[in-house]
C-alpha atoms as a PDB file:
ATOM      1  CA  MET A   1     122.589 115.163  36.368  1.00  0.00           C
ATOM      2  CA  ILE A   2     122.767 118.890  36.943  1.00  0.00           C
ATOM      3  CA  THR A   3     120.688 119.877  39.788  1.00  0.00           C
ATOM      4  CA  SER A   4     121.723 123.520  40.459  1.00  0.00           C
ATOM      5  CA  ALA A   5     122.271 126.674  38.456  1.00  0.00           C
ATOM      6  CA  TYR A   6     124.284 129.732  38.894  1.00  0.00           C
ATOM      7  CA  ILE A   7     123.728 132.745  36.741  1.00  0.00           C
ATOM      8  CA  HIS A   8     126.105 135.662  36.634  1.00  0.00           C
ATOM      9  CA  ILE A   9     125.253 139.209  36.237  1.00  0.00           C
ATOM     10  CA  PRO A  10     128.696 141.134  36.112  1.00  0.00           C
ATOM     11  CA  PHE A  11     127.357 144.686  36.487  1.00  0.00           C
ATOM     12  CA  CYS A  12     127.896 147.148  39.377  1.00  0.00           C
ATOM     13  CA  GLU A  13     127.187 150.785  39.930  1.00  0.00           C
ATOM     14  CA  LYS A  14     130.517 151.005  41.634  1.00  0.00           C
ATOM     15  CA  ILE A  15     133.515 148.755  41.929  1.00  0.00           C
ATOM     16  CA  CYS A  16     134.399 147.741  45.460  1.00  0.00           C
ATOM     17  CA  HIS A  17     137.991 148.422  46.573  1.00  0.00           C
ATOM     18  CA  TYR A  18     138.488 144.621  47.627  1.00  0.00           C
ATOM     19  CA  CYS A  19     136.411 142.803  44.869  1.00  0.00           C
ATOM     20  CA  ASP A  20     138.350 140.587  42.404  1.00  0.00           C
ATOM     21  CA  PHE A  21     135.045 138.902  40.930  1.00  0.00           C
ATOM     22  CA  THR A  22     134.320 139.343  37.180  1.00  0.00           C
ATOM     23  CA  LYS A  23     132.495 142.626  36.952  1.00  0.00           C
ATOM     24  CA  PHE A  24     131.927 145.927  34.819  1.00  0.00           C
ATOM     25  CA  PHE A  25     130.503 149.331  35.470  1.00  0.00           C
ATOM     26  CA  TYR A  26     126.835 149.111  34.725  1.00  0.00           C
ATOM     27  CA  GLU A  27     125.723 150.597  31.191  1.00  0.00           C
ATOM     28  CA  GLU A  28     122.204 150.082  29.995  1.00  0.00           C
ATOM     29  CA  LYS A  29     123.298 149.159  26.406  1.00  0.00           C
ATOM     30  CA  MET A  30     125.929 146.764  27.615  1.00  0.00           C
ATOM     31  CA  ALA A  31     123.538 145.120  30.046  1.00  0.00           C
ATOM     32  CA  ASP A  32     121.074 144.669  27.285  1.00  0.00           C
ATOM     33  CA  GLU A  33     123.602 142.925  24.951  1.00  0.00           C
ATOM     34  CA  TYR A  34     124.684 140.844  27.934  1.00  0.00           C
ATOM     35  CA  LEU A  35     121.305 139.496  28.685  1.00  0.00           C
ATOM     36  CA  VAL A  36     120.735 138.572  24.964  1.00  0.00           C
ATOM     37  CA  ALA A  37     124.171 136.764  25.188  1.00  0.00           C
ATOM     38  CA  LEU A  38     123.112 135.025  28.455  1.00  0.00           C
ATOM     39  CA  GLU A  39     119.935 133.770  26.901  1.00  0.00           C
ATOM     40  CA  ASN A  40     121.722 132.238  23.929  1.00  0.00           C
ATOM     41  CA  GLU A  41     123.991 130.430  26.388  1.00  0.00           C
ATOM     42  CA  ILE A  42     121.248 129.114  28.329  1.00  0.00           C
ATOM     43  CA  ALA A  43     119.313 128.068  25.319  1.00  0.00           C
ATOM     44  CA  THR A  44     122.541 126.185  24.328  1.00  0.00           C
ATOM     45  CA  THR A  45     123.057 124.593  27.648  1.00  0.00           C
ATOM     46  CA  ILE A  46     119.491 123.626  28.627  1.00  0.00           C
ATOM     47  CA  ASN A  47     117.820 121.031  26.352  1.00  0.00           C
ATOM     48  CA  LYS A  48     114.335 121.777  27.014  1.00  0.00           C
ATOM     49  CA  PRO A  49     112.171 124.805  28.531  1.00  0.00           C
ATOM     50  CA  ARG A  50     111.229 124.448  32.327  1.00  0.00           C
ATOM     51  CA  GLN A  51     114.260 122.359  33.330  1.00  0.00           C
ATOM     52  CA  LYS A  52     113.874 121.126  36.894  1.00  0.00           C
ATOM     53  CA  MET A  53     116.673 122.275  39.466  1.00  0.00           C
ATOM     54  CA  LYS A  54     116.937 122.037  43.041  1.00  0.00           C
ATOM     55  CA  THR A  55     118.611 125.475  43.540  1.00  0.00           C
ATOM     56  CA  ILE A  56     119.270 128.633  41.361  1.00  0.00           C
ATOM     57  CA  PHE A  57     121.537 131.249  42.430  1.00  0.00           C
ATOM     58  CA  VAL A  58     121.858 134.618  40.500  1.00  0.00           C
ATOM     59  CA  GLY A  59     124.997 136.487  41.566  1.00  0.00           C
ATOM     60  CA  GLY A  60     127.462 139.126  40.324  1.00  0.00           C
ATOM     61  CA  GLY A  61     128.441 141.557  40.235  1.00  0.00           C
ATOM     62  CA  THR A  62     125.021 142.942  41.352  1.00  0.00           C
ATOM     63  CA  PRO A  63     121.949 141.482  39.744  1.00  0.00           C
ATOM     64  CA  THR A  64     119.903 144.308  41.228  1.00  0.00           C
ATOM     65  CA  ALA A  65     121.980 146.965  39.437  1.00  0.00           C
ATOM     66  CA  LEU A  66     119.909 146.100  36.372  1.00  0.00           C
ATOM     67  CA  ASN A  67     116.951 148.605  35.686  1.00  0.00           C
ATOM     68  CA  ASN A  68     113.378 147.327  36.228  1.00  0.00           C
ATOM     69  CA  ARG A  69     113.017 146.473  32.553  1.00  0.00           C
ATOM     70  CA  GLN A  70     116.167 144.533  32.329  1.00  0.00           C
ATOM     71  CA  LEU A  71     115.524 142.775  35.623  1.00  0.00           C
ATOM     72  CA  LEU A  72     111.956 141.663  34.504  1.00  0.00           C
ATOM     73  CA  LYS A  73     113.512 140.492  31.295  1.00  0.00           C
ATOM     74  CA  LEU A  74     116.150 138.325  33.360  1.00  0.00           C
ATOM     75  CA  VAL A  75     113.481 136.744  35.676  1.00  0.00           C
ATOM     76  CA  GLN A  76     111.236 135.976  32.790  1.00  0.00           C
ATOM     77  CA  MET A  77     114.150 134.275  30.880  1.00  0.00           C
ATOM     78  CA  ILE A  78     114.762 132.238  34.058  1.00  0.00           C
ATOM     79  CA  GLU A  79     111.317 131.310  34.082  1.00  0.00           C
ATOM     80  CA  HIS A  80     111.243 130.084  30.636  1.00  0.00           C
ATOM     81  CA  TYR A  81     114.223 127.806  30.903  1.00  0.00           C
ATOM     82  CA  PHE A  82     113.908 126.606  34.465  1.00  0.00           C
ATOM     83  CA  ASP A  83     110.932 125.255  36.461  1.00  0.00           C
ATOM     84  CA  VAL A  84     111.182 127.868  39.304  1.00  0.00           C
ATOM     85  CA  ASP A  85     108.079 126.583  40.824  1.00  0.00           C
ATOM     86  CA  GLN A  86     109.906 123.339  41.868  1.00  0.00           C
ATOM     87  CA  VAL A  87     113.213 124.582  43.154  1.00  0.00           C
ATOM     88  CA  SER A  88     113.843 124.297  46.904  1.00  0.00           C
ATOM     89  CA  GLU A  89     115.671 127.865  46.978  1.00  0.00           C
ATOM     90  CA  TYR A  90     115.887 130.564  44.302  1.00  0.00           C
ATOM     91  CA  THR A  91     118.426 133.293  45.214  1.00  0.00           C
ATOM     92  CA  PHE A  92     119.176 136.819  44.064  1.00  0.00           C
ATOM     93  CA  GLU A  93     122.132 138.619  45.516  1.00  0.00           C
ATOM     94  CA  ALA A  94     121.573 142.317  46.097  1.00  0.00           C
ATOM     95  CA  ASN A  95     123.099 145.585  47.233  1.00  0.00           C
ATOM     96  CA  PRO A  96     121.379 147.515  49.949  1.00  0.00           C
ATOM     97  CA  GLY A  97     120.236 150.813  48.244  1.00  0.00           C
ATOM     98  CA  ASP A  98     119.586 149.685  44.768  1.00  0.00           C
ATOM     99  CA  LEU A  99     117.008 147.074  45.964  1.00  0.00           C
ATOM    100  CA  THR A 100     113.821 149.242  45.305  1.00  0.00           C
ATOM    101  CA  LYS A 101     110.309 148.137  46.278  1.00  0.00           C
ATOM    102  CA  GLU A 102     109.675 147.743  42.528  1.00  0.00           C
ATOM    103  CA  LYS A 103     112.539 145.329  42.183  1.00  0.00           C
ATOM    104  CA  ILE A 104     111.594 143.354  45.100  1.00  0.00           C
ATOM    105  CA  LYS A 105     107.996 142.911  43.683  1.00  0.00           C
ATOM    106  CA  ILE A 106     109.385 141.781  40.466  1.00  0.00           C
ATOM    107  CA  LEU A 107     111.649 139.344  42.162  1.00  0.00           C
ATOM    108  CA  LYS A 108     108.881 137.924  44.442  1.00  0.00           C
ATOM    109  CA  ASN A 109     106.213 137.822  41.664  1.00  0.00           C
ATOM    110  CA  HIS A 110     108.631 135.722  39.454  1.00  0.00           C
ATOM    111  CA  GLY A 111     109.383 132.983  42.141  1.00  0.00           C
ATOM    112  CA  VAL A 112     112.517 134.306  44.021  1.00  0.00           C
ATOM    113  CA  THR A 113     112.496 132.834  47.516  1.00  0.00           C
ATOM    114  CA  ARG A 114     115.637 134.166  48.920  1.00  0.00           C
ATOM    115  CA  ILE A 115     117.666 137.537  48.965  1.00  0.00           C
ATOM    116  CA  SER A 116     121.309 137.578  49.765  1.00  0.00           C
ATOM    117  CA  MET A 117     122.441 141.028  50.534  1.00  0.00           C
ATOM    118  CA  GLY A 118     126.132 142.430  50.695  1.00  0.00           C
ATOM    119  CA  VAL A 119     126.134 144.450  53.763  1.00  0.00           C
ATOM    120  CA  GLN A 120     129.745 143.921  54.784  1.00  0.00           C
ATOM    121  CA  VAL A 121     129.771 146.321  57.822  1.00  0.00           C
ATOM    122  CA  MET A 122     127.402 148.495  60.044  1.00  0.00           C
ATOM    123  CA  ASP A 123     129.598 151.539  59.971  1.00  0.00           C
ATOM    124  CA  ASP A 124     129.229 154.331  57.376  1.00  0.00           C
ATOM    125  CA  LYS A 125     132.619 155.700  57.319  1.00  0.00           C
ATOM    126  CA  MET A 126     134.061 151.970  56.899  1.00  0.00           C
ATOM    127  CA  LEU A 127     131.577 151.461  54.184  1.00  0.00           C
ATOM    128  CA  GLU A 128     132.851 154.628  52.279  1.00  0.00           C
ATOM    129  CA  GLN A 129     136.592 153.256  52.886  1.00  0.00           C
ATOM    130  CA  LEU A 130     135.555 149.944  51.223  1.00  0.00           C
ATOM    131  CA  GLY A 131     134.037 151.789  48.211  1.00  0.00           C
ATOM    132  CA  ARG A 132     130.511 150.669  49.043  1.00  0.00           C
ATOM    133  CA  LEU A 133     127.738 153.166  47.923  1.00  0.00           C
ATOM    134  CA  HIS A 134     125.228 151.955  50.496  1.00  0.00           C
ATOM    135  CA  ARG A 135     124.929 153.240  54.003  1.00  0.00           C
ATOM    136  CA  ILE A 136     123.337 151.713  57.204  1.00  0.00           C
ATOM    137  CA  LYS A 137     120.108 153.279  56.755  1.00  0.00           C
ATOM    138  CA  ASP A 138     119.691 151.401  53.427  1.00  0.00           C
ATOM    139  CA  VAL A 139     119.990 148.168  55.106  1.00  0.00           C
ATOM    140  CA  TYR A 140     117.360 148.691  57.561  1.00  0.00           C
ATOM    141  CA  GLN A 141     115.083 150.188  54.760  1.00  0.00           C
ATOM    142  CA  ASN A 142     115.718 147.265  52.425  1.00  0.00           C
ATOM    143  CA  VAL A 143     115.179 144.651  55.273  1.00  0.00           C
ATOM    144  CA  ASN A 144     111.805 146.294  56.250  1.00  0.00           C
ATOM    145  CA  ASP A 145     110.818 146.471  52.535  1.00  0.00           C
ATOM    146  CA  LEU A 146     111.582 142.811  51.955  1.00  0.00           C
ATOM    147  CA  ILE A 147     109.608 141.735  55.002  1.00  0.00           C
ATOM    148  CA  GLN A 148     106.601 144.027  54.161  1.00  0.00           C
ATOM    149  CA  ILE A 149     106.460 142.523  50.620  1.00  0.00           C
ATOM    150  CA  GLY A 150     106.665 138.972  51.793  1.00  0.00           C
ATOM    151  CA  LEU A 151     110.381 138.002  50.969  1.00  0.00           C
ATOM    152  CA  THR A 152     111.378 136.979  54.279  1.00  0.00           C
ATOM    153  CA  ASN A 153     114.323 134.545  53.496  1.00  0.00           C
ATOM    154  CA  ILE A 154     117.015 137.132  53.855  1.00  0.00           C
ATOM    155  CA  SER A 155     120.710 136.527  54.244  1.00  0.00           C
ATOM    156  CA  ILE A 156     123.460 139.049  54.753  1.00  0.00           C
ATOM    157  CA  ASP A 157     127.244 139.040  54.141  1.00  0.00           C
ATOM    158  CA  LEU A 158     129.505 140.480  56.623  1.00  0.00           C
ATOM    159  CA  MET A 159     133.243 140.971  56.498  1.00  0.00           C
ATOM    160  CA  TYR A 160     135.806 141.403  59.247  1.00  0.00           C
ATOM    161  CA  SER A 161     139.489 141.975  59.473  1.00  0.00           C
ATOM    162  CA  LEU A 162     138.985 145.176  57.449  1.00  0.00           C
ATOM    163  CA  PRO A 163     141.665 148.001  57.229  1.00  0.00           C
ATOM    164  CA  ASN A 164     141.412 150.325  60.214  1.00  0.00           C
ATOM    165  CA  GLN A 165     138.674 147.932  61.854  1.00  0.00           C
ATOM    166  CA  SER A 166     139.140 147.271  65.756  1.00  0.00           C
ATOM    167  CA  PHE A 167     137.793 144.300  67.444  1.00  0.00           C
ATOM    168  CA  GLU A 168     135.276 146.636  69.271  1.00  0.00           C
ATOM    169  CA  GLY A 169     134.011 147.929  65.816  1.00  0.00           C
ATOM    170  CA  PHE A 170     133.586 144.502  64.487  1.00  0.00           C
ATOM    171  CA  SER A 171     131.759 143.603  67.806  1.00  0.00           C
ATOM    172  CA  LYS A 172     129.266 146.403  67.066  1.00  0.00           C
ATOM    173  CA  THR A 173     128.770 145.545  63.640  1.00  0.00           C
ATOM    174  CA  LEU A 174     127.771 141.957  64.575  1.00  0.00           C
ATOM    175  CA  GLU A 175     125.465 142.988  67.340  1.00  0.00           C
ATOM    176  CA  GLU A 176     123.562 145.357  65.241  1.00  0.00           C
ATOM    177  CA  ALA A 177     123.354 142.802  62.431  1.00  0.00           C
ATOM    178  CA  LEU A 178     122.100 140.050  64.621  1.00  0.00           C
ATOM    179  CA  GLN A 179     119.341 142.291  65.729  1.00  0.00           C
ATOM    180  CA  PHE A 180     117.533 141.699  62.405  1.00  0.00           C
ATOM    181  CA  ASN A 181     117.249 138.054  63.590  1.00  0.00           C
ATOM    182  CA  LEU A 182     117.560 136.718  60.081  1.00  0.00           C
ATOM    183  CA  PRO A 183     117.557 133.108  58.985  1.00  0.00           C
ATOM    184  CA  HIS A 184     121.030 133.036  57.533  1.00  0.00           C
ATOM    185  CA  TYR A 185     124.335 135.119  58.054  1.00  0.00           C
ATOM    186  CA  SER A 186     127.653 134.728  56.204  1.00  0.00           C
ATOM    187  CA  ALA A 187     130.814 136.338  57.393  1.00  0.00           C
ATOM    188  CA  TYR A 188     134.275 136.343  55.663  1.00  0.00           C
ATOM    189  CA  SER A 189     137.722 137.619  56.797  1.00  0.00           C
ATOM    190  CA  LEU A 190     138.979 140.069  54.214  1.00  0.00           C
ATOM    191  CA  GLN A 191     141.344 138.599  51.739  1.00  0.00           C
ATOM    192  CA  ILE A 192     143.581 141.284  49.684  1.00  0.00           C
ATOM    193  CA  GLU A 193     143.188 139.983  46.182  1.00  0.00           C
ATOM    194  CA  PRO A 194     145.425 140.936  43.006  1.00  0.00           C
ATOM    195  CA  LYS A 195     143.938 143.370  40.590  1.00  0.00           C
ATOM    196  CA  THR A 196     142.051 145.337  43.292  1.00  0.00           C
ATOM    197  CA  ILE A 197     142.444 148.752  44.625  1.00  0.00           C
ATOM    198  CA  PHE A 198     143.064 147.370  48.112  1.00  0.00           C
ATOM    199  CA  TYR A 199     146.007 145.166  46.625  1.00  0.00           C
ATOM    200  CA  GLN A 200     147.721 148.283  44.892  1.00  0.00           C
ATOM    201  CA  ARG A 201     147.457 150.125  48.402  1.00  0.00           C
ATOM    202  CA  TYR A 202     148.856 147.106  50.086  1.00  0.00           C
ATOM    203  CA  LYS A 203     151.793 147.011  47.705  1.00  0.00           C
ATOM    204  CA  LYS A 204     152.541 150.640  48.256  1.00  0.00           C
ATOM    205  CA  GLY A 205     152.382 150.085  52.090  1.00  0.00           C
ATOM    206  CA  THR A 206     149.442 152.494  52.396  1.00  0.00           C
ATOM    207  CA  LEU A 207     146.955 149.796  53.648  1.00  0.00           C
ATOM    208  CA  THR A 208     147.172 147.358  56.269  1.00  0.00           C
ATOM    209  CA  LYS A 209     144.892 144.733  57.903  1.00  0.00           C
ATOM    210  CA  PRO A 210     144.412 144.372  61.741  1.00  0.00           C
ATOM    211  CA  PRO A 211     147.385 142.061  63.376  1.00  0.00           C
ATOM    212  CA  GLU A 212     146.559 138.122  63.109  1.00  0.00           C
ATOM    213  CA  GLU A 213     145.666 137.923  66.735  1.00  0.00           C
ATOM    214  CA  ILE A 214     143.103 140.477  66.463  1.00  0.00           C
ATOM    215  CA  GLU A 215     141.529 138.771  63.479  1.00  0.00           C
ATOM    216  CA  ALA A 216     141.633 135.454  65.461  1.00  0.00           C
ATOM    217  CA  ASP A 217     139.712 137.228  68.337  1.00  0.00           C
ATOM    218  CA  MET A 218     137.231 138.560  65.824  1.00  0.00           C
ATOM    219  CA  TYR A 219     136.763 135.106  64.435  1.00  0.00           C
ATOM    220  CA  GLU A 220     136.426 133.451  67.820  1.00  0.00           C
ATOM    221  CA  HIS A 221     133.941 136.132  68.824  1.00  0.00           C
ATOM    222  CA  LEU A 222     132.058 135.548  65.684  1.00  0.00           C
ATOM    223  CA  ARG A 223     131.636 131.921  66.532  1.00  0.00           C
ATOM    224  CA  LYS A 224     130.654 132.510  70.199  1.00  0.00           C
ATOM    225  CA  GLU A 225     128.020 135.165  69.123  1.00  0.00           C
ATOM    226  CA  MET A 226     126.534 132.862  66.460  1.00  0.00           C
ATOM    227  CA  ARG A 227     126.141 130.103  68.610  1.00  0.00           C
ATOM    228  CA  ASP A 228     124.725 132.286  71.662  1.00  0.00           C
ATOM    229  CA  HIS A 229     122.096 133.538  69.091  1.00  0.00           C
ATOM    230  CA  GLY A 230     121.053 129.976  68.154  1.00  0.00           C
ATOM    231  CA  TYR A 231     122.770 129.659  64.818  1.00  0.00           C
ATOM    232  CA  ILE A 232     124.699 126.634  63.606  1.00  0.00           C
ATOM    233  CA  SER A 233     127.365 126.126  61.139  1.00  0.00           C
ATOM    234  CA  MET A 234     126.523 125.156  57.362  1.00  0.00           C
ATOM    235  CA  LYS A 235     128.135 121.859  57.781  1.00  0.00           C
ATOM    236  CA  LEU A 236     125.997 120.962  60.650  1.00  0.00           C
ATOM    237  CA  ALA A 237     122.864 122.478  58.976  1.00  0.00           C
ATOM    238  CA  ILE A 238     123.244 120.163  56.071  1.00  0.00           C
ATOM    239  CA  LEU A 239     123.230 117.351  58.446  1.00  0.00           C
ATOM    240  CA  LEU A 240     120.173 118.488  60.371  1.00  0.00           C
ATOM    241  CA  SER A 241     117.167 120.431  58.945  1.00  0.00           C
ATOM    242  CA  PRO A 242     116.864 123.227  56.132  1.00  0.00           C
ATOM    243  CA  ASP A 243     114.741 125.205  58.514  1.00  0.00           C
ATOM    244  CA  MET A 244     117.707 125.888  60.937  1.00  0.00           C
ATOM    245  CA  LYS A 245     119.088 129.417  61.573  1.00  0.00           C
ATOM    246  CA  VAL A 246     122.279 129.058  59.708  1.00  0.00           C
ATOM    247  CA  SER A 247     125.558 130.832  59.615  1.00  0.00           C
ATOM    248  CA  ILE A 248     128.726 130.473  57.452  1.00  0.00           C
ATOM    249  CA  ILE A 249     131.803 131.438  59.146  1.00  0.00           C
END
């Protein structure tokens, strides 16, 4: 029996230099057509309205790249086919900067219980090098808006072993991110994937990652800081309580 649903929204305002997920530049007409096709796909797959699920995850791309009208259509569509009142966790991925107060209210009013934000690094210069549109101030603004509106189950993604990133730089990012005291953090080492801008630069010899020993130091520092701040790994969390502070590392 299917107990979880993943819904993919493949649109972004800008394509990040490291991303190899299925994605397209956002265009309003294309997004409208995609939502029609998505509803047809869901209707074909789901036997009846208000299907019960344990979890629903809406990822991308960037689901919050949709405009207000499209985002409302999406959550209403999900409400029609899935019993969102009964899910244990209903997550939307979001990018800092395009998560407006209006969009937060749409998500909260239609049953979303968790926001996963792609922060990546707390360094404006490095965010620009990654091809990200947001800046550090947008992270603070969005976390504040989410808490004020009542969506407090917030997760942020971080990356390490980035081009030109020092151990000290990653340590500063981690320290600043942990000050939010959020219930969930995820951290990943950069993987240079084919068909990305970073891959092309890597092949040309114009992009290098930190040495493996520095990457290992970053990972060990990450583990220590998470433990020191009361976070446990996802594997252990599954065995214990869903209310635990969790890190994926």
